[in-house]
Amino acid sequence: MFYDNGHVHIEDEDQCMTCENFNKGVACPLIQALGLGFVSFEEHLLVTSCGFFKKFERHLKVVSTKEVAKKET
């Protein structure tokens, strides 16, 4: 994670990528505080043990084109 020119950037190795708060449209208190300027940091920060973290799990399954066509009718 890093801050540049008024923007908070989240990187792939940050814990945020698998957090429920981040996937809900940036409902994360840490990112909100950084974005509003209440908290700041000078260098790159790797987020690995955030106190606001809630595991976000995607549950995807492969469906056949027959199932898709069936739902459309």
PDB file of N, CA and C in Angstrom:
ATOM      1  N   MET A   1       0.859  -1.157   0.000  1.00  0.00           N
ATOM      2  CA  MET A   1       0.000   0.000   0.000  1.00  0.00           C
ATOM      3  C   MET A   1       0.904   1.218   0.000  1.00  0.00           C
ATOM      4  N   PHE A   2       0.516   2.220  -0.788  1.00  0.00           N
ATOM      5  CA  PHE A   2       1.246   3.470  -0.748  1.00  0.00           C
ATOM      6  C   PHE A   2       0.319   4.619  -1.128  1.00  0.00           C
ATOM      7  N   TYR A   3       0.719   5.806  -0.751  1.00  0.00           N
ATOM      8  CA  TYR A   3      -0.049   7.019  -0.984  1.00  0.00           C
ATOM      9  C   TYR A   3       0.719   7.860  -1.981  1.00  0.00           C
ATOM     10  N   ASP A   4       0.038   8.313  -3.035  1.00  0.00           N
ATOM     11  CA  ASP A   4       0.711   9.113  -4.043  1.00  0.00           C
ATOM     12  C   ASP A   4      -0.248  10.150  -4.598  1.00  0.00           C
ATOM     13  N   ASN A   5       0.099  11.392  -4.450  1.00  0.00           N
ATOM     14  CA  ASN A   5      -0.647  12.493  -5.044  1.00  0.00           C
ATOM     15  C   ASN A   5      -2.151  12.441  -4.727  1.00  0.00           C
ATOM     16  N   GLY A   6      -2.479  12.219  -3.465  1.00  0.00           N
ATOM     17  CA  GLY A   6      -3.877  12.207  -3.054  1.00  0.00           C
ATOM     18  C   GLY A   6      -4.609  10.899  -3.245  1.00  0.00           C
ATOM     19  N   HIS A   7      -3.912   9.838  -3.635  1.00  0.00           N
ATOM     20  CA  HIS A   7      -4.542   8.538  -3.884  1.00  0.00           C
ATOM     21  C   HIS A   7      -3.865   7.443  -3.065  1.00  0.00           C
ATOM     22  N   VAL A   8      -4.682   6.561  -2.497  1.00  0.00           N
ATOM     23  CA  VAL A   8      -4.173   5.390  -1.787  1.00  0.00           C
ATOM     24  C   VAL A   8      -4.152   4.237  -2.774  1.00  0.00           C
ATOM     25  N   HIS A   9      -3.005   3.611  -2.960  1.00  0.00           N
ATOM     26  CA  HIS A   9      -2.850   2.502  -3.900  1.00  0.00           C
ATOM     27  C   HIS A   9      -2.680   1.193  -3.127  1.00  0.00           C
ATOM     28  N   ILE A  10      -3.489   0.207  -3.460  1.00  0.00           N
ATOM     29  CA  ILE A  10      -3.431  -1.112  -2.835  1.00  0.00           C
ATOM     30  C   ILE A  10      -2.729  -2.057  -3.807  1.00  0.00           C
ATOM     31  N   GLU A  11      -1.755  -2.787  -3.322  1.00  0.00           N
ATOM     32  CA  GLU A  11      -1.013  -3.700  -4.177  1.00  0.00           C
ATOM     33  C   GLU A  11      -1.449  -5.143  -3.948  1.00  0.00           C
ATOM     34  N   ASP A  12      -1.126  -6.005  -4.898  1.00  0.00           N
ATOM     35  CA  ASP A  12      -1.561  -7.406  -4.858  1.00  0.00           C
ATOM     36  C   ASP A  12      -1.132  -8.144  -3.600  1.00  0.00           C
ATOM     37  N   GLU A  13       0.042  -7.806  -3.051  1.00  0.00           N
ATOM     38  CA  GLU A  13       0.506  -8.545  -1.878  1.00  0.00           C
ATOM     39  C   GLU A  13      -0.086  -8.023  -0.570  1.00  0.00           C
ATOM     40  N   ASP A  14      -0.826  -6.931  -0.610  1.00  0.00           N
ATOM     41  CA  ASP A  14      -1.482  -6.414   0.592  1.00  0.00           C
ATOM     42  C   ASP A  14      -2.658  -7.307   0.993  1.00  0.00           C
ATOM     43  N   GLN A  15      -2.862  -7.448   2.287  1.00  0.00           N
ATOM     44  CA  GLN A  15      -3.950  -8.253   2.832  1.00  0.00           C
ATOM     45  C   GLN A  15      -5.312  -7.703   2.384  1.00  0.00           C
ATOM     46  N   CYS A  16      -5.363  -6.455   2.024  1.00  0.00           N
ATOM     47  CA  CYS A  16      -6.611  -5.799   1.610  1.00  0.00           C
ATOM     48  C   CYS A  16      -7.286  -6.527   0.444  1.00  0.00           C
ATOM     49  N   MET A  17      -6.504  -7.143  -0.415  1.00  0.00           N
ATOM     50  CA  MET A  17      -7.054  -7.781  -1.614  1.00  0.00           C
ATOM     51  C   MET A  17      -7.999  -8.928  -1.275  1.00  0.00           C
ATOM     52  N   THR A  18      -7.874  -9.518  -0.088  1.00  0.00           N
ATOM     53  CA  THR A  18      -8.756 -10.614   0.311  1.00  0.00           C
ATOM     54  C   THR A  18      -9.634 -10.218   1.494  1.00  0.00           C
ATOM     55  N   CYS A  19      -9.834  -8.914   1.693  1.00  0.00           N
ATOM     56  CA  CYS A  19     -10.615  -8.422   2.825  1.00  0.00           C
ATOM     57  C   CYS A  19     -12.027  -8.053   2.397  1.00  0.00           C
ATOM     58  N   GLU A  20     -12.991  -8.437   3.210  1.00  0.00           N
ATOM     59  CA  GLU A  20     -14.399  -8.135   2.954  1.00  0.00           C
ATOM     60  C   GLU A  20     -14.638  -6.621   2.898  1.00  0.00           C
ATOM     61  N   ASN A  21     -13.991  -5.865   3.764  1.00  0.00           N
ATOM     62  CA  ASN A  21     -14.160  -4.408   3.781  1.00  0.00           C
ATOM     63  C   ASN A  21     -13.724  -3.765   2.472  1.00  0.00           C
ATOM     64  N   PHE A  22     -12.617  -4.226   1.920  1.00  0.00           N
ATOM     65  CA  PHE A  22     -12.105  -3.684   0.663  1.00  0.00           C
ATOM     66  C   PHE A  22     -13.012  -4.061  -0.507  1.00  0.00           C
ATOM     67  N   ASN A  23     -13.528  -5.278  -0.508  1.00  0.00           N
ATOM     68  CA  ASN A  23     -14.376  -5.745  -1.602  1.00  0.00           C
ATOM     69  C   ASN A  23     -15.783  -5.170  -1.562  1.00  0.00           C
ATOM     70  N   LYS A  24     -16.181  -4.544  -0.478  1.00  0.00           N
ATOM     71  CA  LYS A  24     -17.492  -3.894  -0.388  1.00  0.00           C
ATOM     72  C   LYS A  24     -17.450  -2.466  -0.913  1.00  0.00           C
ATOM     73  N   GLY A  25     -16.421  -2.107  -1.607  1.00  0.00           N
ATOM     74  CA  GLY A  25     -16.315  -0.746  -2.124  1.00  0.00           C
ATOM     75  C   GLY A  25     -15.554   0.166  -1.179  1.00  0.00           C
ATOM     76  N   VAL A  26     -14.495  -0.330  -0.634  1.00  0.00           N
ATOM     77  CA  VAL A  26     -13.592   0.408   0.234  1.00  0.00           C
ATOM     78  C   VAL A  26     -14.313   0.896   1.499  1.00  0.00           C
ATOM     79  N   ALA A  27     -14.928  -0.029   2.219  1.00  0.00           N
ATOM     80  CA  ALA A  27     -15.565   0.278   3.495  1.00  0.00           C
ATOM     81  C   ALA A  27     -14.574   0.101   4.635  1.00  0.00           C
ATOM     82  N   CYS A  28     -13.310   0.139   4.347  1.00  0.00           N
ATOM     83  CA  CYS A  28     -12.252  -0.112   5.327  1.00  0.00           C
ATOM     84  C   CYS A  28     -11.915   1.169   6.098  1.00  0.00           C
ATOM     85  N   PRO A  29     -11.945   1.114   7.428  1.00  0.00           N
ATOM     86  CA  PRO A  29     -11.587   2.298   8.226  1.00  0.00           C
ATOM     87  C   PRO A  29     -10.160   2.793   7.984  1.00  0.00           C
ATOM     88  N   LEU A  30      -9.219   1.881   7.755  1.00  0.00           N
ATOM     89  CA  LEU A  30      -7.829   2.282   7.507  1.00  0.00           C
ATOM     90  C   LEU A  30      -7.713   3.056   6.193  1.00  0.00           C
ATOM     91  N   ILE A  31      -8.318   2.543   5.131  1.00  0.00           N
ATOM     92  CA  ILE A  31      -8.228   3.209   3.823  1.00  0.00           C
ATOM     93  C   ILE A  31      -8.974   4.538   3.853  1.00  0.00           C
ATOM     94  N   GLN A  32     -10.104   4.584   4.548  1.00  0.00           N
ATOM     95  CA  GLN A  32     -10.839   5.843   4.668  1.00  0.00           C
ATOM     96  C   GLN A  32     -10.001   6.892   5.392  1.00  0.00           C
ATOM     97  N   ALA A  33      -9.332   6.498   6.476  1.00  0.00           N
ATOM     98  CA  ALA A  33      -8.490   7.429   7.232  1.00  0.00           C
ATOM     99  C   ALA A  33      -7.329   7.938   6.383  1.00  0.00           C
ATOM    100  N   LEU A  34      -6.730   7.056   5.597  1.00  0.00           N
ATOM    101  CA  LEU A  34      -5.640   7.464   4.709  1.00  0.00           C
ATOM    102  C   LEU A  34      -6.147   8.407   3.624  1.00  0.00           C
ATOM    103  N   GLY A  35      -7.284   8.063   3.028  1.00  0.00           N
ATOM    104  CA  GLY A  35      -7.850   8.867   1.950  1.00  0.00           C
ATOM    105  C   GLY A  35      -8.269  10.256   2.395  1.00  0.00           C
ATOM    106  N   LEU A  36      -8.755  10.363   3.632  1.00  0.00           N
ATOM    107  CA  LEU A  36      -9.194  11.658   4.156  1.00  0.00           C
ATOM    108  C   LEU A  36      -8.063  12.466   4.785  1.00  0.00           C
ATOM    109  N   GLY A  37      -6.897  11.842   4.909  1.00  0.00           N
ATOM    110  CA  GLY A  37      -5.738  12.544   5.448  1.00  0.00           C
ATOM    111  C   GLY A  37      -5.638  12.533   6.960  1.00  0.00           C
ATOM    112  N   PHE A  38      -6.471  11.740   7.642  1.00  0.00           N
ATOM    113  CA  PHE A  38      -6.380  11.638   9.102  1.00  0.00           C
ATOM    114  C   PHE A  38      -5.135  10.876   9.527  1.00  0.00           C
ATOM    115  N   VAL A  39      -4.674   9.972   8.685  1.00  0.00           N
ATOM    116  CA  VAL A  39      -3.482   9.162   8.928  1.00  0.00           C
ATOM    117  C   VAL A  39      -2.601   9.314   7.700  1.00  0.00           C
ATOM    118  N   SER A  40      -1.314   9.322   7.885  1.00  0.00           N
ATOM    119  CA  SER A  40      -0.421   9.412   6.731  1.00  0.00           C
ATOM    120  C   SER A  40       0.804   8.543   6.967  1.00  0.00           C
ATOM    121  N   PHE A  41       1.471   8.193   5.901  1.00  0.00           N
ATOM    122  CA  PHE A  41       2.741   7.481   6.015  1.00  0.00           C
ATOM    123  C   PHE A  41       3.659   7.942   4.906  1.00  0.00           C
ATOM    124  N   GLU A  42       4.935   7.843   5.150  1.00  0.00           N
ATOM    125  CA  GLU A  42       5.950   8.381   4.244  1.00  0.00           C
ATOM    126  C   GLU A  42       6.377   7.387   3.174  1.00  0.00           C
ATOM    127  N   GLU A  43       6.413   6.111   3.520  1.00  0.00           N
ATOM    128  CA  GLU A  43       6.951   5.115   2.602  1.00  0.00           C
ATOM    129  C   GLU A  43       5.909   4.071   2.256  1.00  0.00           C
ATOM    130  N   HIS A  44       6.326   3.095   1.496  1.00  0.00           N
ATOM    131  CA  HIS A  44       5.509   1.949   1.126  1.00  0.00           C
ATOM    132  C   HIS A  44       5.197   1.127   2.373  1.00  0.00           C
ATOM    133  N   LEU A  45       3.953   0.645   2.508  1.00  0.00           N
ATOM    134  CA  LEU A  45       3.540  -0.150   3.657  1.00  0.00           C
ATOM    135  C   LEU A  45       2.936  -1.453   3.158  1.00  0.00           C
ATOM    136  N   LEU A  46       3.414  -2.575   3.665  1.00  0.00           N
ATOM    137  CA  LEU A  46       2.842  -3.873   3.312  1.00  0.00           C
ATOM    138  C   LEU A  46       1.867  -4.261   4.410  1.00  0.00           C
ATOM    139  N   VAL A  47       0.579  -4.346   4.064  1.00  0.00           N
ATOM    140  CA  VAL A  47      -0.468  -4.650   5.042  1.00  0.00           C
ATOM    141  C   VAL A  47      -0.588  -6.161   5.179  1.00  0.00           C
ATOM    142  N   THR A  48      -0.188  -6.688   6.361  1.00  0.00           N
ATOM    143  CA  THR A  48      -0.217  -8.138   6.575  1.00  0.00           C
ATOM    144  C   THR A  48      -1.004  -8.558   7.803  1.00  0.00           C
ATOM    145  N   SER A  49      -1.209  -7.661   8.747  1.00  0.00           N
ATOM    146  CA  SER A  49      -1.928  -8.039   9.973  1.00  0.00           C
ATOM    147  C   SER A  49      -2.828  -6.893  10.436  1.00  0.00           C
ATOM    148  N   CYS A  50      -3.720  -6.482   9.581  1.00  0.00           N
ATOM    149  CA  CYS A  50      -4.609  -5.362   9.873  1.00  0.00           C
ATOM    150  C   CYS A  50      -5.690  -5.784  10.869  1.00  0.00           C
ATOM    151  N   GLY A  51      -5.979  -4.937  11.826  1.00  0.00           N
ATOM    152  CA  GLY A  51      -7.005  -5.219  12.823  1.00  0.00           C
ATOM    153  C   GLY A  51      -8.424  -5.167  12.291  1.00  0.00           C
ATOM    154  N   PHE A  52      -8.629  -4.591  11.109  1.00  0.00           N
ATOM    155  CA  PHE A  52      -9.958  -4.496  10.500  1.00  0.00           C
ATOM    156  C   PHE A  52     -10.232  -5.634   9.519  1.00  0.00           C
ATOM    157  N   PHE A  53      -9.261  -6.529   9.343  1.00  0.00           N
ATOM    158  CA  PHE A  53      -9.364  -7.586   8.320  1.00  0.00           C
ATOM    159  C   PHE A  53     -10.505  -8.564   8.608  1.00  0.00           C
ATOM    160  N   LYS A  54     -11.316  -8.811   7.580  1.00  0.00           N
ATOM    161  CA  LYS A  54     -12.355  -9.851   7.593  1.00  0.00           C
ATOM    162  C   LYS A  54     -12.187 -10.629   6.298  1.00  0.00           C
ATOM    163  N   LYS A  55     -11.958 -11.912   6.394  1.00  0.00           N
ATOM    164  CA  LYS A  55     -11.688 -12.749   5.219  1.00  0.00           C
ATOM    165  C   LYS A  55     -12.857 -12.705   4.240  1.00  0.00           C
ATOM    166  N   PHE A  56     -12.560 -12.439   2.977  1.00  0.00           N
ATOM    167  CA  PHE A  56     -13.548 -12.439   1.907  1.00  0.00           C
ATOM    168  C   PHE A  56     -13.283 -13.643   1.021  1.00  0.00           C
ATOM    169  N   GLU A  57     -14.275 -14.504   0.885  1.00  0.00           N
ATOM    170  CA  GLU A  57     -14.116 -15.691   0.051  1.00  0.00           C
ATOM    171  C   GLU A  57     -15.103 -15.651  -1.105  1.00  0.00           C
ATOM    172  N   ARG A  58     -14.571 -15.871  -2.276  1.00  0.00           N
ATOM    173  CA  ARG A  58     -15.427 -15.948  -3.458  1.00  0.00           C
ATOM    174  C   ARG A  58     -15.851 -17.399  -3.641  1.00  0.00           C
ATOM    175  N   HIS A  59     -17.103 -17.586  -3.988  1.00  0.00           N
ATOM    176  CA  HIS A  59     -17.626 -18.925  -4.229  1.00  0.00           C
ATOM    177  C   HIS A  59     -18.136 -18.967  -5.664  1.00  0.00           C
ATOM    178  N   LEU A  60     -17.239 -19.346  -6.546  1.00  0.00           N
ATOM    179  CA  LEU A  60     -17.566 -19.397  -7.968  1.00  0.00           C
ATOM    180  C   LEU A  60     -17.677 -20.845  -8.418  1.00  0.00           C
ATOM    181  N   LYS A  61     -18.531 -21.080  -9.397  1.00  0.00           N
ATOM    182  CA  LYS A  61     -18.615 -22.411  -9.977  1.00  0.00           C
ATOM    183  C   LYS A  61     -18.796 -22.271 -11.480  1.00  0.00           C
ATOM    184  N   VAL A  62     -18.341 -23.259 -12.200  1.00  0.00           N
ATOM    185  CA  VAL A  62     -18.468 -23.271 -13.645  1.00  0.00           C
ATOM    186  C   VAL A  62     -19.868 -23.774 -13.989  1.00  0.00           C
ATOM    187  N   VAL A  63     -20.547 -23.038 -14.850  1.00  0.00           N
ATOM    188  CA  VAL A  63     -21.880 -23.460 -15.287  1.00  0.00           C
ATOM    189  C   VAL A  63     -21.842 -23.724 -16.782  1.00  0.00           C
ATOM    190  N   SER A  64     -22.667 -24.649 -17.213  1.00  0.00           N
ATOM    191  CA  SER A  64     -22.707 -24.971 -18.640  1.00  0.00           C
ATOM    192  C   SER A  64     -23.550 -23.933 -19.372  1.00  0.00           C
ATOM    193  N   THR A  65     -23.355 -23.840 -20.659  1.00  0.00           N
ATOM    194  CA  THR A  65     -24.136 -22.898 -21.457  1.00  0.00           C
ATOM    195  C   THR A  65     -25.616 -23.284 -21.453  1.00  0.00           C
ATOM    196  N   LYS A  66     -25.923 -24.558 -21.233  1.00  0.00           N
ATOM    197  CA  LYS A  66     -27.315 -24.995 -21.147  1.00  0.00           C
ATOM    198  C   LYS A  66     -27.997 -24.383 -19.927  1.00  0.00           C
ATOM    199  N   GLU A  67     -27.293 -24.327 -18.801  1.00  0.00           N
ATOM    200  CA  GLU A  67     -27.858 -23.727 -17.588  1.00  0.00           C
ATOM    201  C   GLU A  67     -28.096 -22.225 -17.785  1.00  0.00           C
ATOM    202  N   VAL A  68     -27.186 -21.549 -18.450  1.00  0.00           N
ATOM    203  CA  VAL A  68     -27.316 -20.125 -18.706  1.00  0.00           C
ATOM    204  C   VAL A  68     -28.514 -19.866 -19.615  1.00  0.00           C
ATOM    205  N   ALA A  69     -28.615 -20.635 -20.682  1.00  0.00           N
ATOM    206  CA  ALA A  69     -29.731 -20.479 -21.614  1.00  0.00           C
ATOM    207  C   ALA A  69     -31.066 -20.753 -20.933  1.00  0.00           C
ATOM    208  N   LYS A  70     -31.091 -21.720 -20.053  1.00  0.00           N
ATOM    209  CA  LYS A  70     -32.295 -22.085 -19.330  1.00  0.00           C
ATOM    210  C   LYS A  70     -32.771 -20.933 -18.427  1.00  0.00           C
ATOM    211  N   LYS A  71     -31.842 -20.252 -17.773  1.00  0.00           N
ATOM    212  CA  LYS A  71     -32.184 -19.132 -16.891  1.00  0.00           C
ATOM    213  C   LYS A  71     -32.656 -17.908 -17.669  1.00  0.00           C
ATOM    214  N   GLU A  72     -32.184 -17.748 -18.893  1.00  0.00           N
ATOM    215  CA  GLU A  72     -32.567 -16.590 -19.692  1.00  0.00           C
ATOM    216  C   GLU A  72     -33.979 -16.695 -20.245  1.00  0.00           C
ATOM    217  N   THR A  73     -34.522 -17.910 -20.324  1.00  0.00           N
ATOM    218  CA  THR A  73     -35.874 -18.070 -20.868  1.00  0.00           C
ATOM    219  C   THR A  73     -36.936 -18.035 -19.811  1.00  0.00           C
TER     220      THR A  73
END
